[in-house]
Amino acid sequence: MGYSVILDILGSIVISGMLMLILLRLNDATIENTYVSSGDLAVQQNLTTVVQILEHDFRKIGYCADWEQIPDPSKAILYADAHRIEFLTDENNDSKVDKMVYYIGPTSELHDTPNPRDRFLYRLLNNEPPVSTNLGVTQFDLKYFDVFNNEIPFPITVPGEIHTIQINITVEDPAAYDEKYNTVFWRQIRLAARNLRSR
């Protein structure tokens, strides 16, 4: 009788240990699913925010409420490369020409996030301090096309040739569960500001 009691106790310890492991794994899986789902939602919202701002500003390239302030829209883009663009616009419809600059900063600027690839996306209006956003942007690439839809190679020496712009943006989580970052990619193919077509 003594042996059967000891075997019963050992069996119950093994079974309870297995149940405890199952519960811990279930808890870990639940935490991971919650973290990934909320991270995915945050990444989608961040991308939506970035895209709305970019589309609003880029569609106004060469626009001014007083059209005589920018009579030649082909001169509205002042500088363009793969990660930076400078252009003239009327940001707040006050009939005054504003200079707007978009560019992406280096990865070394964001030390406080675990993601090694995220960067600041800068928006500079006139001579005001640049507005930077940490929305998890890891890629901000621009390509430019002429009126015949031919890609303009870098360096772009005549910005007036630009007729349409392709924008590629990637957004990731600033932090991740078990180093698995949610990633969202967006591409605006051939974004054309109305004023760039008015030539």
N, C-alpha and C. Protein backbone atom coordinates (compact mmCIF):
# COMPACT_ATOMS: atom_id res chain seq x y z
N MET A 1 0.79 -1.20 0.00
CA MET A 1 0.00 0.00 0.00
C MET A 1 0.84 1.27 0.00
N GLY A 2 2.01 1.22 0.57
CA GLY A 2 2.87 2.39 0.64
C GLY A 2 3.37 2.82 -0.72
N TYR A 3 3.67 1.78 -1.57
CA TYR A 3 4.17 2.10 -2.90
C TYR A 3 3.10 2.77 -3.76
N SER A 4 1.89 2.33 -3.66
CA SER A 4 0.82 2.90 -4.50
C SER A 4 0.54 4.36 -4.12
N VAL A 5 0.67 4.68 -2.84
CA VAL A 5 0.46 6.07 -2.41
C VAL A 5 1.57 6.96 -2.98
N ILE A 6 2.82 6.46 -2.90
CA ILE A 6 3.95 7.23 -3.44
C ILE A 6 3.80 7.41 -4.95
N LEU A 7 3.37 6.35 -5.67
CA LEU A 7 3.16 6.45 -7.12
C LEU A 7 2.03 7.43 -7.44
N ASP A 8 0.98 7.41 -6.62
CA ASP A 8 -0.13 8.36 -6.82
C ASP A 8 0.35 9.79 -6.64
N ILE A 9 1.16 10.02 -5.62
CA ILE A 9 1.68 11.37 -5.36
C ILE A 9 2.59 11.83 -6.51
N LEU A 10 3.51 10.93 -6.93
CA LEU A 10 4.41 11.27 -8.04
C LEU A 10 3.62 11.54 -9.32
N GLY A 11 2.61 10.70 -9.58
CA GLY A 11 1.77 10.89 -10.78
C GLY A 11 1.04 12.21 -10.74
N SER A 12 0.52 12.56 -9.55
CA SER A 12 -0.21 13.84 -9.46
C SER A 12 0.74 15.03 -9.61
N ILE A 13 1.99 14.88 -9.12
CA ILE A 13 2.97 15.96 -9.29
C ILE A 13 3.31 16.14 -10.77
N VAL A 14 3.52 15.03 -11.48
CA VAL A 14 3.83 15.11 -12.92
C VAL A 14 2.67 15.72 -13.70
N ILE A 15 1.46 15.28 -13.41
CA ILE A 15 0.28 15.79 -14.12
C ILE A 15 0.07 17.27 -13.81
N SER A 16 0.22 17.66 -12.53
CA SER A 16 0.04 19.08 -12.19
C SER A 16 1.14 19.93 -12.82
N GLY A 17 2.36 19.39 -12.90
CA GLY A 17 3.46 20.11 -13.58
C GLY A 17 3.16 20.31 -15.06
N MET A 18 2.61 19.27 -15.71
CA MET A 18 2.27 19.40 -17.12
C MET A 18 1.14 20.42 -17.31
N LEU A 19 0.16 20.39 -16.41
CA LEU A 19 -0.93 21.37 -16.49
C LEU A 19 -0.40 22.79 -16.29
N MET A 20 0.55 22.94 -15.37
CA MET A 20 1.13 24.25 -15.13
C MET A 20 1.88 24.75 -16.36
N LEU A 21 2.63 23.86 -17.03
CA LEU A 21 3.34 24.23 -18.26
C LEU A 21 2.37 24.63 -19.36
N ILE A 22 1.28 23.90 -19.49
CA ILE A 22 0.27 24.21 -20.50
C ILE A 22 -0.33 25.59 -20.21
N LEU A 23 -0.64 25.87 -18.94
CA LEU A 23 -1.20 27.16 -18.59
C LEU A 23 -0.22 28.30 -18.85
N LEU A 24 1.06 28.08 -18.56
CA LEU A 24 2.07 29.11 -18.81
C LEU A 24 2.22 29.38 -20.31
N ARG A 25 2.24 28.32 -21.11
CA ARG A 25 2.33 28.50 -22.57
C ARG A 25 1.10 29.20 -23.12
N LEU A 26 -0.06 28.84 -22.60
CA LEU A 26 -1.29 29.49 -23.03
C LEU A 26 -1.27 30.97 -22.67
N ASN A 27 -0.80 31.27 -21.48
CA ASN A 27 -0.69 32.66 -21.06
C ASN A 27 0.28 33.43 -21.94
N ASP A 28 1.43 32.82 -22.24
CA ASP A 28 2.43 33.46 -23.10
C ASP A 28 1.86 33.70 -24.50
N ALA A 29 1.16 32.72 -25.05
CA ALA A 29 0.56 32.87 -26.38
C ALA A 29 -0.50 33.97 -26.39
N THR A 30 -1.27 34.07 -25.32
CA THR A 30 -2.29 35.11 -25.21
C THR A 30 -1.65 36.49 -25.16
N ILE A 31 -0.59 36.63 -24.38
CA ILE A 31 0.12 37.91 -24.29
C ILE A 31 0.71 38.28 -25.65
N GLU A 32 1.33 37.31 -26.33
CA GLU A 32 1.92 37.58 -27.64
C GLU A 32 0.85 38.00 -28.64
N ASN A 33 -0.27 37.30 -28.67
CA ASN A 33 -1.35 37.65 -29.61
C ASN A 33 -1.89 39.05 -29.33
N THR A 34 -2.05 39.37 -28.06
CA THR A 34 -2.53 40.70 -27.70
C THR A 34 -1.54 41.77 -28.12
N TYR A 35 -0.27 41.54 -27.86
CA TYR A 35 0.77 42.51 -28.20
C TYR A 35 0.87 42.69 -29.72
N VAL A 36 0.86 41.58 -30.46
CA VAL A 36 0.96 41.64 -31.92
C VAL A 36 -0.26 42.34 -32.52
N SER A 37 -1.45 42.01 -32.02
CA SER A 37 -2.66 42.64 -32.54
C SER A 37 -2.69 44.14 -32.28
N SER A 38 -2.34 44.54 -31.06
CA SER A 38 -2.33 45.97 -30.76
C SER A 38 -1.21 46.68 -31.52
N GLY A 39 -0.08 46.00 -31.69
CA GLY A 39 1.02 46.58 -32.47
C GLY A 39 0.65 46.73 -33.93
N ASP A 40 -0.05 45.76 -34.47
CA ASP A 40 -0.49 45.83 -35.86
C ASP A 40 -1.46 47.00 -36.06
N LEU A 41 -2.36 47.18 -35.12
CA LEU A 41 -3.30 48.30 -35.19
C LEU A 41 -2.56 49.63 -35.12
N ALA A 42 -1.59 49.73 -34.23
CA ALA A 42 -0.82 50.98 -34.08
C ALA A 42 -0.04 51.29 -35.35
N VAL A 43 0.56 50.26 -35.96
CA VAL A 43 1.32 50.46 -37.20
C VAL A 43 0.41 50.94 -38.32
N GLN A 44 -0.78 50.33 -38.43
CA GLN A 44 -1.74 50.76 -39.45
C GLN A 44 -2.16 52.20 -39.24
N GLN A 45 -2.42 52.58 -37.99
CA GLN A 45 -2.82 53.95 -37.70
C GLN A 45 -1.69 54.94 -37.99
N ASN A 46 -0.45 54.57 -37.63
CA ASN A 46 0.70 55.43 -37.91
C ASN A 46 0.88 55.64 -39.41
N LEU A 47 0.75 54.56 -40.17
CA LEU A 47 0.89 54.68 -41.63
C LEU A 47 -0.20 55.57 -42.20
N THR A 48 -1.43 55.41 -41.74
CA THR A 48 -2.53 56.24 -42.21
C THR A 48 -2.26 57.71 -41.93
N THR A 49 -1.76 58.01 -40.75
CA THR A 49 -1.45 59.39 -40.39
C THR A 49 -0.38 59.98 -41.32
N VAL A 50 0.71 59.24 -41.51
CA VAL A 50 1.79 59.71 -42.37
C VAL A 50 1.28 59.94 -43.80
N VAL A 51 0.53 58.99 -44.32
CA VAL A 51 0.05 59.07 -45.70
C VAL A 51 -0.90 60.25 -45.88
N GLN A 52 -1.79 60.47 -44.94
CA GLN A 52 -2.71 61.60 -45.06
C GLN A 52 -1.97 62.93 -45.09
N ILE A 53 -0.98 63.09 -44.25
CA ILE A 53 -0.20 64.34 -44.23
C ILE A 53 0.57 64.51 -45.53
N LEU A 54 1.25 63.44 -45.96
CA LEU A 54 2.04 63.52 -47.19
C LEU A 54 1.17 63.82 -48.41
N GLU A 55 0.05 63.10 -48.55
CA GLU A 55 -0.81 63.33 -49.71
C GLU A 55 -1.36 64.75 -49.71
N HIS A 56 -1.74 65.24 -48.54
CA HIS A 56 -2.26 66.61 -48.45
C HIS A 56 -1.21 67.62 -48.92
N ASP A 57 0.02 67.49 -48.43
CA ASP A 57 1.06 68.45 -48.77
C ASP A 57 1.57 68.28 -50.20
N PHE A 58 1.77 67.04 -50.64
CA PHE A 58 2.33 66.81 -51.97
C PHE A 58 1.36 67.20 -53.08
N ARG A 59 0.07 67.05 -52.84
CA ARG A 59 -0.90 67.44 -53.87
C ARG A 59 -0.96 68.96 -54.04
N LYS A 60 -0.41 69.70 -53.07
CA LYS A 60 -0.43 71.16 -53.15
C LYS A 60 0.90 71.72 -53.65
N ILE A 61 1.76 70.87 -54.21
CA ILE A 61 3.01 71.37 -54.77
C ILE A 61 2.67 72.36 -55.89
N GLY A 62 3.22 73.55 -55.79
CA GLY A 62 2.99 74.55 -56.82
C GLY A 62 1.67 75.30 -56.68
N TYR A 63 0.92 75.01 -55.62
CA TYR A 63 -0.38 75.67 -55.43
C TYR A 63 -0.20 76.95 -54.61
N CYS A 64 -0.95 77.99 -54.97
CA CYS A 64 -1.04 79.19 -54.16
C CYS A 64 -2.42 79.78 -54.40
N ALA A 65 -3.07 80.23 -53.34
CA ALA A 65 -4.41 80.82 -53.47
C ALA A 65 -4.38 82.00 -54.44
N ASP A 66 -3.28 82.72 -54.46
CA ASP A 66 -3.07 83.76 -55.46
C ASP A 66 -2.12 83.18 -56.51
N TRP A 67 -2.69 82.71 -57.60
CA TRP A 67 -1.90 81.98 -58.60
C TRP A 67 -0.76 82.81 -59.17
N GLU A 68 -0.83 84.11 -59.09
CA GLU A 68 0.23 84.95 -59.62
C GLU A 68 1.52 84.85 -58.79
N GLN A 69 1.39 84.35 -57.57
CA GLN A 69 2.58 84.17 -56.73
C GLN A 69 3.47 83.03 -57.22
N ILE A 70 2.86 82.02 -57.85
CA ILE A 70 3.62 80.92 -58.46
C ILE A 70 3.10 80.79 -59.90
N PRO A 71 3.49 81.73 -60.78
CA PRO A 71 2.94 81.71 -62.14
C PRO A 71 3.43 80.53 -62.98
N ASP A 72 4.62 80.00 -62.66
CA ASP A 72 5.17 78.87 -63.42
C ASP A 72 5.32 77.67 -62.49
N PRO A 73 4.32 76.77 -62.48
CA PRO A 73 4.38 75.61 -61.56
C PRO A 73 5.57 74.69 -61.80
N SER A 74 6.16 74.75 -63.00
CA SER A 74 7.32 73.88 -63.26
C SER A 74 8.52 74.27 -62.39
N LYS A 75 8.47 75.46 -61.78
CA LYS A 75 9.56 75.90 -60.91
C LYS A 75 9.22 75.69 -59.43
N ALA A 76 8.13 74.99 -59.15
CA ALA A 76 7.68 74.80 -57.76
C ALA A 76 8.57 73.83 -57.00
N ILE A 77 9.12 72.83 -57.67
CA ILE A 77 10.03 71.89 -56.98
C ILE A 77 11.43 72.47 -57.06
N LEU A 78 11.99 72.73 -55.90
CA LEU A 78 13.30 73.37 -55.82
C LEU A 78 14.44 72.36 -55.77
N TYR A 79 14.19 71.23 -55.11
CA TYR A 79 15.23 70.20 -54.95
C TYR A 79 14.55 68.85 -54.79
N ALA A 80 15.14 67.83 -55.38
CA ALA A 80 14.55 66.49 -55.28
C ALA A 80 15.65 65.44 -55.32
N ASP A 81 15.66 64.56 -54.32
CA ASP A 81 16.49 63.36 -54.39
C ASP A 81 15.71 62.19 -53.81
N ALA A 82 16.37 61.09 -53.56
CA ALA A 82 15.67 59.86 -53.18
C ALA A 82 15.02 59.93 -51.81
N HIS A 83 15.52 60.80 -50.93
CA HIS A 83 14.99 60.85 -49.56
C HIS A 83 14.66 62.27 -49.10
N ARG A 84 14.66 63.21 -50.02
CA ARG A 84 14.40 64.61 -49.66
C ARG A 84 13.75 65.33 -50.83
N ILE A 85 12.79 66.21 -50.50
CA ILE A 85 12.17 67.05 -51.51
C ILE A 85 11.88 68.41 -50.91
N GLU A 86 12.13 69.45 -51.70
CA GLU A 86 11.85 70.83 -51.30
C GLU A 86 10.97 71.44 -52.39
N PHE A 87 9.87 72.07 -51.98
CA PHE A 87 8.96 72.64 -52.97
C PHE A 87 8.24 73.87 -52.43
N LEU A 88 7.64 74.60 -53.36
CA LEU A 88 6.85 75.79 -53.02
C LEU A 88 5.38 75.43 -52.98
N THR A 89 4.68 76.01 -52.01
CA THR A 89 3.26 75.74 -51.84
C THR A 89 2.63 76.88 -51.04
N ASP A 90 1.34 76.82 -50.90
CA ASP A 90 0.62 77.76 -50.03
C ASP A 90 -0.03 76.90 -48.95
N GLU A 91 0.71 76.68 -47.88
CA GLU A 91 0.33 75.67 -46.88
C GLU A 91 -1.01 75.96 -46.21
N ASN A 92 -1.30 77.24 -45.95
CA ASN A 92 -2.52 77.54 -45.20
C ASN A 92 -3.48 78.46 -45.96
N ASN A 93 -3.37 78.48 -47.29
CA ASN A 93 -4.29 79.25 -48.15
C ASN A 93 -4.33 80.74 -47.81
N ASP A 94 -3.17 81.31 -47.48
CA ASP A 94 -3.15 82.74 -47.15
C ASP A 94 -2.57 83.58 -48.29
N SER A 95 -2.43 82.99 -49.47
CA SER A 95 -1.90 83.66 -50.67
C SER A 95 -0.43 84.03 -50.53
N LYS A 96 0.27 83.42 -49.58
CA LYS A 96 1.70 83.63 -49.43
C LYS A 96 2.42 82.33 -49.75
N VAL A 97 3.50 82.45 -50.48
CA VAL A 97 4.26 81.26 -50.89
C VAL A 97 5.08 80.74 -49.72
N ASP A 98 4.94 79.45 -49.45
CA ASP A 98 5.71 78.79 -48.39
C ASP A 98 6.68 77.80 -49.02
N LYS A 99 7.81 77.64 -48.38
CA LYS A 99 8.76 76.60 -48.80
C LYS A 99 8.61 75.43 -47.84
N MET A 100 8.34 74.24 -48.39
CA MET A 100 8.16 73.05 -47.58
C MET A 100 9.23 72.02 -47.93
N VAL A 101 9.77 71.38 -46.91
CA VAL A 101 10.81 70.37 -47.09
C VAL A 101 10.42 69.11 -46.34
N TYR A 102 10.56 67.96 -46.99
CA TYR A 102 10.39 66.66 -46.35
C TYR A 102 11.70 65.90 -46.49
N TYR A 103 12.12 65.28 -45.39
CA TYR A 103 13.30 64.41 -45.46
C TYR A 103 13.28 63.44 -44.29
N ILE A 104 14.05 62.39 -44.41
CA ILE A 104 14.11 61.36 -43.36
C ILE A 104 15.47 61.45 -42.67
N GLY A 105 15.45 61.31 -41.37
CA GLY A 105 16.69 61.40 -40.59
C GLY A 105 17.40 60.06 -40.52
N PRO A 106 18.59 60.04 -39.94
CA PRO A 106 19.34 58.79 -39.78
C PRO A 106 18.78 57.93 -38.64
N THR A 107 19.09 56.66 -38.68
CA THR A 107 18.62 55.74 -37.63
C THR A 107 19.27 56.06 -36.29
N SER A 108 20.40 56.72 -36.31
CA SER A 108 21.11 57.00 -35.05
C SER A 108 20.39 58.02 -34.17
N GLU A 109 19.40 58.74 -34.72
CA GLU A 109 18.69 59.74 -33.93
C GLU A 109 17.73 59.14 -32.91
N LEU A 110 17.25 57.95 -33.16
CA LEU A 110 16.26 57.34 -32.26
C LEU A 110 16.93 56.27 -31.40
N HIS A 111 17.42 56.69 -30.26
CA HIS A 111 18.06 55.75 -29.34
C HIS A 111 17.06 55.16 -28.34
N ASP A 112 15.92 55.84 -28.17
CA ASP A 112 14.99 55.44 -27.12
C ASP A 112 13.98 54.39 -27.57
N THR A 113 14.06 53.91 -28.80
CA THR A 113 13.17 52.83 -29.24
C THR A 113 13.98 51.58 -29.51
N PRO A 114 13.42 50.42 -29.22
CA PRO A 114 14.16 49.18 -29.45
C PRO A 114 14.39 48.87 -30.94
N ASN A 115 13.52 49.40 -31.81
CA ASN A 115 13.64 49.11 -33.24
C ASN A 115 14.89 49.81 -33.80
N PRO A 116 15.84 49.05 -34.36
CA PRO A 116 17.07 49.68 -34.86
C PRO A 116 16.89 50.38 -36.21
N ARG A 117 15.73 50.22 -36.85
CA ARG A 117 15.53 50.76 -38.20
C ARG A 117 14.64 52.00 -38.25
N ASP A 118 13.93 52.35 -37.18
CA ASP A 118 12.99 53.48 -37.27
C ASP A 118 13.74 54.81 -37.26
N ARG A 119 13.11 55.81 -37.90
CA ARG A 119 13.74 57.12 -38.08
C ARG A 119 12.71 58.22 -37.91
N PHE A 120 13.19 59.43 -37.74
CA PHE A 120 12.31 60.59 -37.76
C PHE A 120 12.00 60.94 -39.21
N LEU A 121 10.76 61.29 -39.47
CA LEU A 121 10.38 61.89 -40.75
C LEU A 121 10.16 63.36 -40.48
N TYR A 122 10.93 64.21 -41.14
CA TYR A 122 10.90 65.64 -40.88
C TYR A 122 10.03 66.37 -41.89
N ARG A 123 9.32 67.37 -41.39
CA ARG A 123 8.53 68.28 -42.22
C ARG A 123 8.93 69.70 -41.80
N LEU A 124 9.55 70.41 -42.72
CA LEU A 124 10.06 71.75 -42.43
C LEU A 124 9.27 72.75 -43.26
N LEU A 125 8.70 73.75 -42.62
CA LEU A 125 7.94 74.80 -43.28
C LEU A 125 8.65 76.13 -43.08
N ASN A 126 9.06 76.72 -44.22
CA ASN A 126 9.79 77.99 -44.20
C ASN A 126 11.01 77.88 -43.30
N ASN A 127 11.20 78.83 -42.40
CA ASN A 127 12.36 78.81 -41.52
C ASN A 127 12.01 78.39 -40.10
N GLU A 128 10.83 77.79 -39.94
CA GLU A 128 10.44 77.31 -38.62
C GLU A 128 11.25 76.07 -38.27
N PRO A 129 11.34 75.74 -36.98
CA PRO A 129 12.03 74.50 -36.62
C PRO A 129 11.32 73.30 -37.25
N PRO A 130 12.08 72.32 -37.69
CA PRO A 130 11.45 71.16 -38.33
C PRO A 130 10.55 70.39 -37.36
N VAL A 131 9.44 69.91 -37.89
CA VAL A 131 8.55 69.06 -37.11
C VAL A 131 8.93 67.62 -37.44
N SER A 132 9.28 66.87 -36.41
CA SER A 132 9.66 65.47 -36.63
C SER A 132 8.63 64.57 -35.98
N THR A 133 8.36 63.47 -36.63
CA THR A 133 7.42 62.51 -36.08
C THR A 133 8.10 61.16 -35.96
N ASN A 134 7.88 60.53 -34.83
CA ASN A 134 8.35 59.16 -34.66
C ASN A 134 7.14 58.25 -34.74
N LEU A 135 6.76 57.93 -35.96
CA LEU A 135 5.63 57.03 -36.18
C LEU A 135 6.11 55.67 -36.69
N GLY A 136 7.37 55.39 -36.47
CA GLY A 136 7.91 54.09 -36.87
C GLY A 136 8.31 54.01 -38.33
N VAL A 137 8.53 55.16 -38.98
CA VAL A 137 8.92 55.16 -40.39
C VAL A 137 10.33 54.59 -40.52
N THR A 138 10.47 53.59 -41.36
CA THR A 138 11.79 53.01 -41.61
C THR A 138 12.25 53.25 -43.04
N GLN A 139 11.32 53.62 -43.91
CA GLN A 139 11.66 53.89 -45.31
C GLN A 139 10.84 55.08 -45.81
N PHE A 140 11.51 56.01 -46.48
CA PHE A 140 10.85 57.13 -47.17
C PHE A 140 11.64 57.35 -48.44
N ASP A 141 11.21 56.70 -49.51
CA ASP A 141 11.91 56.75 -50.79
C ASP A 141 11.04 57.45 -51.83
N LEU A 142 11.67 58.28 -52.63
CA LEU A 142 10.98 59.02 -53.67
C LEU A 142 11.60 58.71 -55.03
N LYS A 143 10.73 58.56 -56.02
CA LYS A 143 11.16 58.44 -57.42
C LYS A 143 10.39 59.47 -58.21
N TYR A 144 11.02 59.97 -59.25
CA TYR A 144 10.42 61.06 -60.01
C TYR A 144 10.32 60.66 -61.48
N PHE A 145 9.24 61.14 -62.13
CA PHE A 145 8.98 60.78 -63.52
C PHE A 145 8.65 62.03 -64.32
N ASP A 146 9.05 62.00 -65.59
CA ASP A 146 8.76 63.14 -66.45
C ASP A 146 7.38 63.00 -67.08
N VAL A 147 7.05 63.90 -67.98
CA VAL A 147 5.72 63.94 -68.58
C VAL A 147 5.42 62.68 -69.41
N PHE A 148 6.47 61.97 -69.84
CA PHE A 148 6.31 60.74 -70.62
C PHE A 148 6.37 59.49 -69.75
N ASN A 149 6.30 59.66 -68.43
CA ASN A 149 6.38 58.57 -67.45
C ASN A 149 7.71 57.84 -67.46
N ASN A 150 8.76 58.52 -67.87
CA ASN A 150 10.11 57.96 -67.78
C ASN A 150 10.72 58.38 -66.46
N GLU A 151 11.34 57.44 -65.77
CA GLU A 151 11.97 57.76 -64.49
C GLU A 151 13.15 58.68 -64.72
N ILE A 152 13.23 59.72 -63.90
CA ILE A 152 14.33 60.68 -63.99
C ILE A 152 15.46 60.18 -63.09
N PRO A 153 16.66 59.96 -63.65
CA PRO A 153 17.76 59.42 -62.83
C PRO A 153 18.34 60.50 -61.91
N PHE A 154 18.97 60.04 -60.82
CA PHE A 154 19.63 60.93 -59.88
C PHE A 154 21.06 61.18 -60.35
N PRO A 155 21.62 62.33 -60.08
CA PRO A 155 21.02 63.48 -59.43
C PRO A 155 20.10 64.24 -60.39
N ILE A 156 19.05 64.79 -59.84
CA ILE A 156 18.10 65.54 -60.66
C ILE A 156 18.60 66.98 -60.74
N THR A 157 19.03 67.36 -61.93
CA THR A 157 19.60 68.69 -62.13
C THR A 157 18.55 69.71 -62.59
N VAL A 158 17.44 69.20 -63.18
CA VAL A 158 16.37 70.10 -63.63
C VAL A 158 15.07 69.64 -62.97
N PRO A 159 14.78 70.13 -61.76
CA PRO A 159 13.55 69.70 -61.07
C PRO A 159 12.28 70.04 -61.84
N GLY A 160 12.36 70.99 -62.76
CA GLY A 160 11.18 71.36 -63.54
C GLY A 160 10.69 70.25 -64.45
N GLU A 161 11.51 69.24 -64.68
CA GLU A 161 11.09 68.10 -65.51
C GLU A 161 10.15 67.16 -64.78
N ILE A 162 10.08 67.26 -63.46
CA ILE A 162 9.27 66.33 -62.66
C ILE A 162 7.79 66.59 -62.94
N HIS A 163 7.12 65.51 -63.29
CA HIS A 163 5.68 65.59 -63.57
C HIS A 163 4.87 64.77 -62.57
N THR A 164 5.41 63.63 -62.17
CA THR A 164 4.76 62.79 -61.16
C THR A 164 5.82 62.24 -60.21
N ILE A 165 5.35 61.82 -59.03
CA ILE A 165 6.23 61.33 -57.97
C ILE A 165 5.72 59.99 -57.47
N GLN A 166 6.62 59.06 -57.24
CA GLN A 166 6.27 57.80 -56.59
C GLN A 166 6.83 57.84 -55.17
N ILE A 167 5.97 57.56 -54.19
CA ILE A 167 6.37 57.60 -52.78
C ILE A 167 6.30 56.19 -52.21
N ASN A 168 7.37 55.72 -51.62
CA ASN A 168 7.41 54.43 -50.94
C ASN A 168 7.67 54.67 -49.46
N ILE A 169 6.77 54.15 -48.63
CA ILE A 169 6.90 54.33 -47.19
C ILE A 169 6.75 52.97 -46.50
N THR A 170 7.62 52.70 -45.55
CA THR A 170 7.49 51.52 -44.69
C THR A 170 7.43 51.99 -43.26
N VAL A 171 6.49 51.43 -42.52
CA VAL A 171 6.33 51.75 -41.10
C VAL A 171 6.41 50.46 -40.31
N GLU A 172 7.15 50.50 -39.21
CA GLU A 172 7.29 49.34 -38.32
C GLU A 172 6.96 49.75 -36.89
N ASP A 173 6.76 48.75 -36.05
CA ASP A 173 6.58 49.00 -34.61
C ASP A 173 7.84 49.63 -34.04
N PRO A 174 7.70 50.64 -33.17
CA PRO A 174 8.88 51.12 -32.45
C PRO A 174 9.43 50.06 -31.49
N ALA A 175 8.54 49.20 -30.98
CA ALA A 175 8.94 48.10 -30.10
C ALA A 175 8.23 46.84 -30.58
N ALA A 176 8.80 45.69 -30.28
CA ALA A 176 8.22 44.45 -30.77
C ALA A 176 8.23 43.39 -29.69
N TYR A 177 7.39 42.40 -29.88
CA TYR A 177 7.37 41.25 -28.98
C TYR A 177 8.33 40.21 -29.53
N ASP A 178 9.31 39.84 -28.76
CA ASP A 178 10.28 38.83 -29.15
C ASP A 178 10.99 39.23 -30.45
N GLU A 179 11.25 40.53 -30.63
CA GLU A 179 11.94 41.09 -31.80
C GLU A 179 11.25 40.78 -33.12
N LYS A 180 9.93 40.59 -33.09
CA LYS A 180 9.15 40.42 -34.32
C LYS A 180 8.38 41.72 -34.54
N TYR A 181 8.86 42.52 -35.48
CA TYR A 181 8.27 43.83 -35.74
C TYR A 181 7.18 43.73 -36.80
N ASN A 182 6.02 44.32 -36.49
CA ASN A 182 4.97 44.43 -37.51
C ASN A 182 5.42 45.45 -38.54
N THR A 183 5.24 45.13 -39.81
CA THR A 183 5.68 45.99 -40.89
C THR A 183 4.53 46.24 -41.85
N VAL A 184 4.37 47.51 -42.26
CA VAL A 184 3.36 47.89 -43.24
C VAL A 184 4.04 48.72 -44.31
N PHE A 185 3.75 48.41 -45.57
CA PHE A 185 4.34 49.12 -46.70
C PHE A 185 3.25 49.82 -47.49
N TRP A 186 3.53 51.04 -47.95
CA TRP A 186 2.58 51.80 -48.76
C TRP A 186 3.32 52.43 -49.92
N ARG A 187 2.71 52.37 -51.08
CA ARG A 187 3.31 52.98 -52.26
C ARG A 187 2.26 53.82 -52.97
N GLN A 188 2.58 55.08 -53.17
CA GLN A 188 1.73 55.95 -53.99
C GLN A 188 2.38 56.01 -55.36
N ILE A 189 1.74 55.39 -56.32
CA ILE A 189 2.30 55.34 -57.66
C ILE A 189 1.83 56.56 -58.43
N ARG A 190 2.77 57.30 -58.92
CA ARG A 190 2.52 58.43 -59.80
C ARG A 190 1.60 59.49 -59.19
N LEU A 191 1.93 59.93 -58.00
CA LEU A 191 1.19 61.04 -57.40
C LEU A 191 1.49 62.29 -58.22
N ALA A 192 0.46 62.96 -58.65
CA ALA A 192 0.64 64.15 -59.46
C ALA A 192 -0.12 65.31 -58.84
N ALA A 193 0.60 66.35 -58.52
CA ALA A 193 -0.04 67.58 -58.07
C ALA A 193 -0.68 68.24 -59.30
N ARG A 194 -1.87 68.74 -59.16
CA ARG A 194 -2.57 69.36 -60.30
C ARG A 194 -1.73 70.46 -60.93
N ASN A 195 -1.04 71.21 -60.10
CA ASN A 195 -0.29 72.35 -60.62
C ASN A 195 0.94 71.93 -61.41
N LEU A 196 1.47 70.74 -61.16
CA LEU A 196 2.60 70.27 -61.96
C LEU A 196 2.15 69.94 -63.38
N ARG A 197 0.86 69.65 -63.55
CA ARG A 197 0.34 69.35 -64.89
C ARG A 197 -0.05 70.61 -65.64
N SER A 198 -0.18 71.74 -64.92
CA SER A 198 -0.59 73.00 -65.56
C SER A 198 0.63 73.72 -66.10
N ARG A 199 1.08 73.32 -67.26
CA ARG A 199 2.30 73.93 -67.83
C ARG A 199 2.00 74.48 -69.20
